[in-house]
C-alpha atoms as a PDB file:
ATOM      1  CA  UNK A   1     -25.434  28.155  -9.596  1.00  0.00           C
ATOM      2  CA  UNK A   2     -23.989  25.001  -8.058  1.00  0.00           C
ATOM      3  CA  UNK A   3     -24.719  21.575  -9.443  1.00  0.00           C
ATOM      4  CA  UNK A   4     -25.569  19.095  -6.740  1.00  0.00           C
ATOM      5  CA  UNK A   5     -25.075  15.430  -7.416  1.00  0.00           C
ATOM      6  CA  UNK A   6     -27.725  13.239  -5.848  1.00  0.00           C
ATOM      7  CA  UNK A   7     -26.845   9.578  -5.628  1.00  0.00           C
ATOM      8  CA  UNK A   8     -29.684   7.106  -5.250  1.00  0.00           C
ATOM      9  CA  UNK A   9     -28.807   3.871  -3.521  1.00  0.00           C
ATOM     10  CA  UNK A  10     -31.085   0.905  -4.161  1.00  0.00           C
ATOM     11  CA  UNK A  11     -31.985  -0.667  -0.838  1.00  0.00           C
ATOM     12  CA  UNK A  12     -31.943  -4.319  -1.765  1.00  0.00           C
ATOM     13  CA  UNK A  13     -30.228  -7.082   0.158  1.00  0.00           C
ATOM     14  CA  UNK A  14     -26.594  -7.451  -0.865  1.00  0.00           C
ATOM     15  CA  UNK A  15     -26.937 -11.241  -0.649  1.00  0.00           C
ATOM     16  CA  UNK A  16     -30.380 -12.177  -2.013  1.00  0.00           C
ATOM     17  CA  UNK A  17     -31.722  -9.003  -3.700  1.00  0.00           C
ATOM     18  CA  UNK A  18     -34.836  -8.722  -1.501  1.00  0.00           C
ATOM     19  CA  UNK A  19     -35.979  -5.094  -1.059  1.00  0.00           C
ATOM     20  CA  UNK A  20     -35.055  -3.662   2.352  1.00  0.00           C
ATOM     21  CA  UNK A  21     -38.051  -1.896   3.966  1.00  0.00           C
ATOM     22  CA  UNK A  22     -36.236   1.114   5.417  1.00  0.00           C
ATOM     23  CA  UNK A  23     -37.480   4.182   7.216  1.00  0.00           C
ATOM     24  CA  UNK A  24     -35.766   7.504   6.305  1.00  0.00           C
ATOM     25  CA  UNK A  25     -33.513   7.664   9.418  1.00  0.00           C
ATOM     26  CA  UNK A  26     -32.456   4.008   9.529  1.00  0.00           C
ATOM     27  CA  UNK A  27     -28.827   3.070   8.850  1.00  0.00           C
ATOM     28  CA  UNK A  28     -28.712  -0.717   9.396  1.00  0.00           C
ATOM     29  CA  UNK A  29     -31.014  -3.693   8.863  1.00  0.00           C
ATOM     30  CA  UNK A  30     -31.225  -7.458   8.712  1.00  0.00           C
ATOM     31  CA  UNK A  31     -32.795  -8.953   5.599  1.00  0.00           C
ATOM     32  CA  UNK A  32     -36.070 -10.633   6.499  1.00  0.00           C
ATOM     33  CA  UNK A  33     -35.549 -13.160   3.703  1.00  0.00           C
ATOM     34  CA  UNK A  34     -31.968 -14.422   4.201  1.00  0.00           C
ATOM     35  CA  UNK A  35     -30.845 -12.873   7.525  1.00  0.00           C
ATOM     36  CA  UNK A  36     -27.921 -10.884   6.085  1.00  0.00           C
ATOM     37  CA  UNK A  37     -27.057  -7.778   8.113  1.00  0.00           C
ATOM     38  CA  UNK A  38     -26.557  -4.585   6.126  1.00  0.00           C
ATOM     39  CA  UNK A  39     -25.460  -1.033   6.726  1.00  0.00           C
ATOM     40  CA  UNK A  40     -25.810   2.108   4.651  1.00  0.00           C
ATOM     41  CA  UNK A  41     -22.268   3.290   3.981  1.00  0.00           C
ATOM     42  CA  UNK A  42     -21.627   6.758   2.525  1.00  0.00           C
ATOM     43  CA  UNK A  43     -18.988   5.434   0.121  1.00  0.00           C
ATOM     44  CA  UNK A  44     -19.998   1.825  -0.575  1.00  0.00           C
ATOM     45  CA  UNK A  45     -23.759   2.209  -0.529  1.00  0.00           C
ATOM     46  CA  UNK A  46     -25.382  -0.824   1.059  1.00  0.00           C
ATOM     47  CA  UNK A  47     -22.678  -3.023   2.605  1.00  0.00           C
ATOM     48  CA  UNK A  48     -22.777  -6.302   4.493  1.00  0.00           C
ATOM     49  CA  UNK A  49     -22.726  -6.098   8.284  1.00  0.00           C
ATOM     50  CA  UNK A  50     -22.393  -8.823  10.866  1.00  0.00           C
ATOM     51  CA  UNK A  51     -25.200  -8.500  13.406  1.00  0.00           C
ATOM     52  CA  UNK A  52     -24.952 -10.384  16.689  1.00  0.00           C
ATOM     53  CA  UNK A  53     -27.985 -11.343  18.746  1.00  0.00           C
ATOM     54  CA  UNK A  54     -27.705 -11.814  22.506  1.00  0.00           C
ATOM     55  CA  UNK A  55     -28.840 -15.038  24.065  1.00  0.00           C
ATOM     56  CA  UNK A  56     -30.713 -12.877  26.606  1.00  0.00           C
ATOM     57  CA  UNK A  57     -33.315 -11.438  24.205  1.00  0.00           C
ATOM     58  CA  UNK A  58     -36.659 -13.018  25.212  1.00  0.00           C
ATOM     59  CA  UNK A  59     -38.339 -14.907  22.398  1.00  0.00           C
ATOM     60  CA  UNK A  60     -41.095 -12.848  20.780  1.00  0.00           C
ATOM     61  CA  UNK A  61     -39.826  -9.525  22.182  1.00  0.00           C
ATOM     62  CA  UNK A  62     -37.988  -6.761  20.333  1.00  0.00           C
ATOM     63  CA  UNK A  63     -34.338  -6.442  21.253  1.00  0.00           C
ATOM     64  CA  UNK A  64     -32.437  -3.188  21.540  1.00  0.00           C
ATOM     65  CA  UNK A  65     -29.581  -2.583  19.074  1.00  0.00           C
ATOM     66  CA  UNK A  66     -26.253  -1.307  20.406  1.00  0.00           C
ATOM     67  CA  UNK A  67     -22.970  -0.437  18.760  1.00  0.00           C
ATOM     68  CA  UNK A  68     -20.422  -2.234  20.921  1.00  0.00           C
ATOM     69  CA  UNK A  69     -16.659  -1.762  20.850  1.00  0.00           C
ATOM     70  CA  UNK A  70     -13.836  -2.750  23.147  1.00  0.00           C
ATOM     71  CA  UNK A  71     -11.902   0.326  24.195  1.00  0.00           C
ATOM     72  CA  UNK A  72      -8.828   1.180  26.199  1.00  0.00           C
ATOM     73  CA  UNK A  73      -8.766   4.495  28.050  1.00  0.00           C
ATOM     74  CA  UNK A  74      -5.490   6.091  29.130  1.00  0.00           C
ATOM     75  CA  UNK A  75      -5.861   9.089  31.418  1.00  0.00           C
ATOM     76  CA  UNK A  76      -2.968  11.457  30.793  1.00  0.00           C
ATOM     77  CA  UNK A  77      -3.980  14.315  33.126  1.00  0.00           C
ATOM     78  CA  UNK A  78      -6.715  14.881  35.661  1.00  0.00           C
ATOM     79  CA  UNK A  79      -7.208  18.233  37.430  1.00  0.00           C
ATOM     80  CA  UNK A  80      -9.601  18.742  40.331  1.00  0.00           C
ATOM     81  CA  UNK A  81     -10.918  21.578  42.446  1.00  0.00           C
ATOM     82  CA  UNK A  82     -10.650  19.411  45.545  1.00  0.00           C
ATOM     83  CA  UNK A  83      -9.892  15.802  46.461  1.00  0.00           C
ATOM     84  CA  UNK A  84      -7.983  13.238  44.459  1.00  0.00           C
ATOM     85  CA  UNK A  85      -9.652  10.218  42.882  1.00  0.00           C
ATOM     86  CA  UNK A  86      -6.869   9.697  40.332  1.00  0.00           C
ATOM     87  CA  UNK A  87      -5.967   6.258  41.709  1.00  0.00           C
ATOM     88  CA  UNK A  88      -9.580   5.038  41.475  1.00  0.00           C
ATOM     89  CA  UNK A  89      -9.842   6.452  37.959  1.00  0.00           C
ATOM     90  CA  UNK A  90      -6.664   4.737  36.806  1.00  0.00           C
ATOM     91  CA  UNK A  91      -7.801   1.436  38.368  1.00  0.00           C
ATOM     92  CA  UNK A  92     -11.202   1.630  36.661  1.00  0.00           C
ATOM     93  CA  UNK A  93      -9.654   2.274  33.243  1.00  0.00           C
ATOM     94  CA  UNK A  94      -6.645  -0.054  33.680  1.00  0.00           C
ATOM     95  CA  UNK A  95      -8.250  -2.874  31.674  1.00  0.00           C
ATOM     96  CA  UNK A  96     -10.066  -2.628  28.337  1.00  0.00           C
ATOM     97  CA  UNK A  97     -13.791  -1.981  28.670  1.00  0.00           C
ATOM     98  CA  UNK A  98     -16.785  -2.597  26.441  1.00  0.00           C
ATOM     99  CA  UNK A  99     -18.498   0.583  25.274  1.00  0.00           C
ATOM    100  CA  UNK A 100     -22.218   0.200  24.505  1.00  0.00           C
ATOM    101  CA  UNK A 101     -23.895   2.937  22.462  1.00  0.00           C
ATOM    102  CA  UNK A 102     -27.652   2.660  21.930  1.00  0.00           C
ATOM    103  CA  UNK A 103     -28.272   2.530  18.181  1.00  0.00           C
ATOM    104  CA  UNK A 104     -31.994   3.266  18.366  1.00  0.00           C
ATOM    105  CA  UNK A 105     -33.595   6.704  18.648  1.00  0.00           C
ATOM    106  CA  UNK A 106     -32.806   7.982  22.156  1.00  0.00           C
ATOM    107  CA  UNK A 107     -31.902  11.349  23.644  1.00  0.00           C
ATOM    108  CA  UNK A 108     -28.284  12.237  24.342  1.00  0.00           C
ATOM    109  CA  UNK A 109     -28.952  12.044  28.104  1.00  0.00           C
ATOM    110  CA  UNK A 110     -30.514   8.569  27.782  1.00  0.00           C
ATOM    111  CA  UNK A 111     -27.671   7.405  25.543  1.00  0.00           C
ATOM    112  CA  UNK A 112     -24.974   8.566  27.967  1.00  0.00           C
ATOM    113  CA  UNK A 113     -26.842   7.305  31.041  1.00  0.00           C
ATOM    114  CA  UNK A 114     -27.343   3.834  29.532  1.00  0.00           C
ATOM    115  CA  UNK A 115     -23.799   3.725  28.165  1.00  0.00           C
ATOM    116  CA  UNK A 116     -22.318   4.643  31.567  1.00  0.00           C
ATOM    117  CA  UNK A 117     -24.469   2.020  33.278  1.00  0.00           C
ATOM    118  CA  UNK A 118     -23.290  -0.657  30.824  1.00  0.00           C
ATOM    119  CA  UNK A 119     -19.641   0.432  31.157  1.00  0.00           C
ATOM    120  CA  UNK A 120     -19.950  -0.215  34.867  1.00  0.00           C
ATOM    121  CA  UNK A 121     -22.165  -3.314  34.467  1.00  0.00           C
ATOM    122  CA  UNK A 122     -21.377  -4.903  31.082  1.00  0.00           C
ATOM    123  CA  UNK A 123     -23.788  -7.328  29.449  1.00  0.00           C
ATOM    124  CA  UNK A 124     -22.770 -10.928  28.877  1.00  0.00           C
ATOM    125  CA  UNK A 125     -21.978 -11.190  25.214  1.00  0.00           C
ATOM    126  CA  UNK A 126     -23.333 -14.662  24.439  1.00  0.00           C
ATOM    127  CA  UNK A 127     -24.614 -15.191  20.912  1.00  0.00           C
ATOM    128  CA  UNK A 128     -28.190 -16.397  20.624  1.00  0.00           C
ATOM    129  CA  UNK A 129     -30.822 -16.803  17.931  1.00  0.00           C
ATOM    130  CA  UNK A 130     -31.933 -13.923  15.674  1.00  0.00           C
ATOM    131  CA  UNK A 131     -34.604 -11.634  17.089  1.00  0.00           C
ATOM    132  CA  UNK A 132     -36.579  -8.627  15.939  1.00  0.00           C
ATOM    133  CA  UNK A 133     -35.139  -5.310  17.080  1.00  0.00           C
ATOM    134  CA  UNK A 134     -35.820  -1.597  17.216  1.00  0.00           C
ATOM    135  CA  UNK A 135     -34.750   0.491  14.174  1.00  0.00           C
ATOM    136  CA  UNK A 136     -31.032   1.335  14.005  1.00  0.00           C
ATOM    137  CA  UNK A 137     -30.743   5.106  13.508  1.00  0.00           C
ATOM    138  CA  UNK A 138     -27.375   5.924  15.112  1.00  0.00           C
ATOM    139  CA  UNK A 139     -24.468   5.415  12.706  1.00  0.00           C
ATOM    140  CA  UNK A 140     -21.405   3.576  14.042  1.00  0.00           C
ATOM    141  CA  UNK A 141     -19.321   6.669  13.314  1.00  0.00           C
ATOM    142  CA  UNK A 142     -20.981   8.353  16.313  1.00  0.00           C
ATOM    143  CA  UNK A 143     -19.565   5.754  18.719  1.00  0.00           C
ATOM    144  CA  UNK A 144     -16.262   7.547  19.469  1.00  0.00           C
ATOM    145  CA  UNK A 145     -17.839  10.892  20.383  1.00  0.00           C
ATOM    146  CA  UNK A 146     -20.488   9.222  22.538  1.00  0.00           C
ATOM    147  CA  UNK A 147     -17.875   7.015  24.244  1.00  0.00           C
ATOM    148  CA  UNK A 148     -15.873  10.152  25.081  1.00  0.00           C
ATOM    149  CA  UNK A 149     -19.014  11.686  26.646  1.00  0.00           C
ATOM    150  CA  UNK A 150     -19.369   8.525  28.747  1.00  0.00           C
ATOM    151  CA  UNK A 151     -15.749   8.700  29.949  1.00  0.00           C
ATOM    152  CA  UNK A 152     -16.155  12.343  30.997  1.00  0.00           C
ATOM    153  CA  UNK A 153     -19.466  11.526  32.688  1.00  0.00           C
ATOM    154  CA  UNK A 154     -17.911   8.715  34.752  1.00  0.00           C
ATOM    155  CA  UNK A 155     -14.969  10.895  35.761  1.00  0.00           C
ATOM    156  CA  UNK A 156     -17.185  13.885  36.614  1.00  0.00           C
ATOM    157  CA  UNK A 157     -19.246  11.598  38.869  1.00  0.00           C
ATOM    158  CA  UNK A 158     -16.273  10.887  41.148  1.00  0.00           C
ATOM    159  CA  UNK A 159     -16.142  12.567  44.578  1.00  0.00           C
ATOM    160  CA  UNK A 160     -13.167  14.797  43.791  1.00  0.00           C
ATOM    161  CA  UNK A 161     -14.772  17.742  41.941  1.00  0.00           C
ATOM    162  CA  UNK A 162     -13.211  17.212  38.519  1.00  0.00           C
ATOM    163  CA  UNK A 163     -11.938  20.370  36.838  1.00  0.00           C
ATOM    164  CA  UNK A 164     -10.175  19.026  33.725  1.00  0.00           C
ATOM    165  CA  UNK A 165      -9.348  15.673  32.180  1.00  0.00           C
ATOM    166  CA  UNK A 166      -7.143  14.617  29.307  1.00  0.00           C
ATOM    167  CA  UNK A 167      -7.301  11.063  28.017  1.00  0.00           C
ATOM    168  CA  UNK A 168      -6.714   8.901  25.000  1.00  0.00           C
ATOM    169  CA  UNK A 169      -9.229   6.360  23.762  1.00  0.00           C
ATOM    170  CA  UNK A 170      -8.299   3.427  21.553  1.00  0.00           C
ATOM    171  CA  UNK A 171     -11.401   1.736  20.146  1.00  0.00           C
ATOM    172  CA  UNK A 172     -11.766  -1.533  18.253  1.00  0.00           C
ATOM    173  CA  UNK A 173     -14.178  -1.522  15.296  1.00  0.00           C
ATOM    174  CA  UNK A 174     -17.838  -1.345  16.325  1.00  0.00           C
ATOM    175  CA  UNK A 175     -20.096  -4.385  16.170  1.00  0.00           C
ATOM    176  CA  UNK A 176     -23.885  -4.272  16.084  1.00  0.00           C
ATOM    177  CA  UNK A 177     -25.364  -6.302  18.933  1.00  0.00           C
ATOM    178  CA  UNK A 178     -29.051  -6.805  19.681  1.00  0.00           C
ATOM    179  CA  UNK A 179     -29.487  -7.048  23.448  1.00  0.00           C
ATOM    180  CA  UNK A 180     -32.384  -7.482  25.833  1.00  0.00           C
END
């Protein structure tokens, strides 16, 4: 028989002590009392989190939470069945890019599709006033794997019939942004 240790974490604001009304799948919140952002961390329990609100979120509407991180992609090898879009690929990834990963409940296809769209058409990151937002259910630790899916999706979409790709991804720490 194995003993299992269950650790209960009180969900109260790290700043003011107000109870955090959390649904079972949620991983991050903003205290309704004092505005402190918080994240459920496996090791620390409830930890403080900076949450940024986009200026573009219409007043009175729910924003959409995204994990956002600046990343640099270095393509080390690219094999194709036909054609050669290596130059276009290297140009696209030559500068750091912002990776946007939806933090609300969405399918993998929706997540990748939206992330690819925002890689190609990044949002303006202008800080605005706090806004209500959809529940955050995707942990920031998922950002790397989802960003890698996005990179492969962009490269597979090129006209040269991609066969294989090797790349390195350097990511800055994720920030939680609430966007329109």
